[in-house]
Protein backbone atom coordinates (compact mmCIF):
# COMPACT_ATOMS: atom_id res chain seq x y z
CA UNK A 1 0.00 0.00 0.00
CA UNK A 2 1.33 3.39 -0.99
CA UNK A 3 1.16 5.99 1.72
CA UNK A 4 1.81 9.70 1.52
CA UNK A 5 2.05 12.64 3.89
CA UNK A 6 -0.87 14.87 4.82
CA UNK A 7 0.45 18.20 6.09
CA UNK A 8 -1.91 20.18 8.31
CA UNK A 9 -1.85 23.76 9.52
CA UNK A 10 -4.61 24.85 11.89
CA UNK A 11 -4.32 28.35 13.35
CA UNK A 12 -0.53 28.19 12.88
CA UNK A 13 -0.19 24.79 14.59
CA UNK A 14 1.57 22.35 12.23
CA UNK A 15 1.21 18.59 12.10
CA UNK A 16 1.70 15.81 9.58
CA UNK A 17 0.32 12.31 9.36
CA UNK A 18 0.53 9.28 7.14
CA UNK A 19 -2.39 8.85 4.74
CA UNK A 20 -3.66 6.13 2.43
CA UNK A 21 -6.21 6.17 -0.41
CA UNK A 22 -9.11 5.42 1.95
CA UNK A 23 -8.11 8.34 4.20
CA UNK A 24 -8.02 10.96 1.46
CA UNK A 25 -11.22 9.58 -0.07
CA UNK A 26 -12.98 10.05 3.26
CA UNK A 27 -11.48 13.50 3.93
CA UNK A 28 -12.36 14.95 0.52
CA UNK A 29 -15.83 13.43 0.33
CA UNK A 30 -16.66 14.48 3.93
CA UNK A 31 -15.63 18.02 2.97
CA UNK A 32 -17.87 17.90 -0.10
CA UNK A 33 -20.79 16.57 1.95
CA UNK A 34 -20.43 19.50 4.35
CA UNK A 35 -19.67 22.11 1.67
CA UNK A 36 -21.36 21.09 -1.60
CA UNK A 37 -20.50 24.42 -3.28
CA UNK A 38 -16.76 23.75 -3.27
CA UNK A 39 -14.54 25.33 -5.87
CA UNK A 40 -12.02 23.08 -7.59
CA UNK A 41 -8.95 24.10 -9.52
CA UNK A 42 -5.17 24.37 -9.49
CA UNK A 43 -2.76 26.70 -7.75
CA UNK A 44 0.85 27.45 -8.65
CA UNK A 45 2.84 29.80 -6.43
CA UNK A 46 5.75 29.98 -8.88
CA UNK A 47 3.58 31.47 -11.61
CA UNK A 48 1.31 33.16 -9.06
CA UNK A 49 -1.76 31.63 -10.70
CA UNK A 50 -5.02 30.10 -9.58
CA UNK A 51 -7.23 28.37 -12.13
CA UNK A 52 -10.82 27.52 -11.20
CA UNK A 53 -12.21 24.54 -13.09
CA UNK A 54 -15.64 24.71 -11.49
CA UNK A 55 -17.47 23.11 -8.56
CA UNK A 56 -16.23 19.72 -7.40
CA UNK A 57 -18.98 17.10 -7.23
CA UNK A 58 -17.04 13.97 -6.36
CA UNK A 59 -13.50 12.71 -5.95
CA UNK A 60 -12.09 9.20 -5.83
CA UNK A 61 -8.63 7.89 -5.08
CA UNK A 62 -8.13 4.28 -6.16
CA UNK A 63 -4.69 2.80 -5.62
CA UNK A 64 -5.52 -0.57 -7.22
CA UNK A 65 -6.70 1.07 -10.44
CA UNK A 66 -3.86 3.66 -10.18
CA UNK A 67 -6.43 6.39 -10.72
CA UNK A 68 -7.50 9.61 -9.01
CA UNK A 69 -10.57 11.32 -10.41
CA UNK A 70 -12.11 14.68 -9.73
CA UNK A 71 -15.62 15.14 -11.19
CA UNK A 72 -16.65 18.77 -11.45
CA UNK A 73 -19.16 21.07 -13.09
CA UNK A 74 -17.69 24.04 -14.97
CA UNK A 75 -19.22 27.51 -14.71
CA UNK A 76 -20.94 26.97 -18.07
CA UNK A 77 -22.66 23.87 -16.68
CA UNK A 78 -20.47 21.40 -18.57
CA UNK A 79 -19.33 18.25 -16.77
CA UNK A 80 -15.59 17.77 -16.45
CA UNK A 81 -13.27 15.10 -15.13
CA UNK A 82 -9.67 15.61 -14.09
CA UNK A 83 -7.78 12.29 -13.89
CA UNK A 84 -4.31 11.58 -12.51
CA UNK A 85 -2.41 8.36 -11.75
CA UNK A 86 -2.57 7.48 -8.05
CA UNK A 87 1.13 6.64 -8.22
CA UNK A 88 1.82 10.35 -8.88
CA UNK A 89 0.04 11.44 -5.67
CA UNK A 90 2.83 13.16 -3.75
CA UNK A 91 1.33 14.92 -0.74
CA UNK A 92 -1.93 16.39 0.53
CA UNK A 93 -2.47 19.41 2.72
CA UNK A 94 -5.20 20.94 4.80
CA UNK A 95 -5.12 24.49 6.13
CA UNK A 96 -7.69 26.17 8.33
CA UNK A 97 -7.83 29.35 10.33
CA UNK A 98 -10.27 31.24 12.49
CA UNK A 99 -10.90 34.38 10.49
CA UNK A 100 -13.01 37.50 10.73
CA UNK A 101 -14.66 38.65 7.56
CA UNK A 102 -14.47 42.44 7.28
CA UNK A 103 -18.12 42.93 6.39
CA UNK A 104 -19.91 41.66 9.49
CA UNK A 105 -17.06 41.10 11.97
CA UNK A 106 -18.19 37.65 13.07
CA UNK A 107 -15.47 35.00 13.46
CA UNK A 108 -15.62 31.77 11.48
CA UNK A 109 -13.39 28.81 10.76
CA UNK A 110 -12.42 28.43 7.11
CA UNK A 111 -10.41 25.52 5.73
CA UNK A 112 -9.08 24.47 2.34
CA UNK A 113 -7.83 21.08 1.06
CA UNK A 114 -4.92 20.64 -1.37
CA UNK A 115 -3.85 17.55 -3.33
CA UNK A 116 -0.45 17.57 -5.05
CA UNK A 117 0.72 15.22 -7.78
CA UNK A 118 4.18 15.00 -9.30
CA UNK A 119 4.83 13.90 -12.87
CA UNK A 120 7.82 11.57 -12.51
CA UNK A 121 8.96 12.19 -16.08
CA UNK A 122 9.14 15.98 -15.77
CA UNK A 123 9.36 16.47 -12.00
CA UNK A 124 6.57 19.06 -12.32
CA UNK A 125 4.08 19.33 -9.47
CA UNK A 126 0.39 20.07 -9.96
CA UNK A 127 -1.59 21.12 -6.90
CA UNK A 128 -5.38 21.02 -6.86
CA UNK A 129 -7.43 22.88 -4.28
CA UNK A 130 -10.89 22.31 -2.86
CA UNK A 131 -12.45 25.32 -1.13
CA UNK A 132 -15.99 26.12 -0.04
CA UNK A 133 -17.32 29.01 -2.09
CA UNK A 134 -20.06 30.14 0.29
CA UNK A 135 -18.52 30.68 3.75
CA UNK A 136 -16.32 33.64 2.80
CA UNK A 137 -16.56 36.58 0.43
CA UNK A 138 -13.31 35.96 -1.45
CA UNK A 139 -12.48 32.24 -1.27
CA UNK A 140 -9.64 32.43 -3.80
CA UNK A 141 -7.78 34.96 -1.66
CA UNK A 142 -7.81 32.40 1.15
CA UNK A 143 -6.82 29.58 -1.22
CA UNK A 144 -3.71 31.56 -2.21
CA UNK A 145 -2.72 32.76 1.24
CA UNK A 146 -3.34 29.40 2.93
CA UNK A 147 -1.21 27.66 0.30
CA UNK A 148 1.66 30.04 1.04
CA UNK A 149 1.40 29.04 4.69
CA UNK A 150 0.93 25.26 4.35
CA UNK A 151 2.72 24.22 1.14
CA UNK A 152 5.93 23.09 2.85
CA UNK A 153 4.35 21.43 5.90
CA UNK A 154 5.13 17.72 5.97
CA UNK A 155 7.46 17.69 2.99
CA UNK A 156 10.39 16.77 5.22
CA UNK A 157 8.68 13.55 6.36
CA UNK A 158 9.02 10.27 4.47
CA UNK A 159 6.58 7.57 5.50
CA UNK A 160 7.93 5.34 2.73
CA UNK A 161 11.05 4.54 4.77
CA UNK A 162 11.07 1.04 6.18
CA UNK A 163 11.36 0.28 9.86
CA UNK A 164 9.46 1.30 12.92
CA UNK A 165 8.27 4.81 13.43
CA UNK A 166 8.00 4.63 17.21
CA UNK A 167 10.53 3.20 19.60
CA UNK A 168 9.75 2.02 23.14
CA UNK A 169 13.06 2.07 24.99
CA UNK A 170 11.91 -0.90 27.09
CA UNK A 171 11.44 -3.09 24.03
CA UNK A 172 13.38 -3.92 20.91
CA UNK A 173 13.01 -1.36 18.08
CA UNK A 174 10.38 -3.27 16.12
CA UNK A 175 8.15 -4.36 18.97
CA UNK A 176 9.77 -7.71 19.70
CA UNK A 177 10.53 -8.99 23.19
CA UNK A 178 12.97 -7.44 25.61
C-alpha cells in the first residue's frame, strides 16, 4: 500500500500524518458533503496563478486502479473530469484558520484542502485545491494565502522509509521482546 504525507496547519499549529487512499477519499468526500458548493482548480505559487475549473462534485482515489478522479461542473454547466495516476500522488495538505470577515465582523473557521501530484517524467508538481465558495466573500484569496502558509508542511517527512516509526526504549526497536 502506498502511503503519503498529509500536512496540516490549523491556526498556525503544524502537524503531519501518514495517509492512504481510503483516508483521502474520506477527507475529501466528507468536505464535499459538508460544503457542496466547493470550488475546484489548481494553484501554482511559482507562476502566481489560480485556475478555477468549477465546482467539485465527487472525488475518488483508487490505488488498485492507479487512478485519481475529480468530477466537477464548470461555470458553463459542462461536466468535467480531471484524472491523474494514483502513483503520482505526492502529498496532501489541509489548512484552516479562524478568520473575521471584514463585512460583518463575526469569526468563522475556514479551511481548504490541497492535493499535489508530481509527474515523474518531468518532476513538475500540480496542486489542486478544494475550497468552499459560500462561507467567505473571497475564497480564492484564502486559497492563495493558505497555500503560502501550508505548502511546505510535511514535505520533510518520508513515510515510505522502512522500519518502525515509534521506539519504546523498554522493548526492541520493532516491537519484539525485551
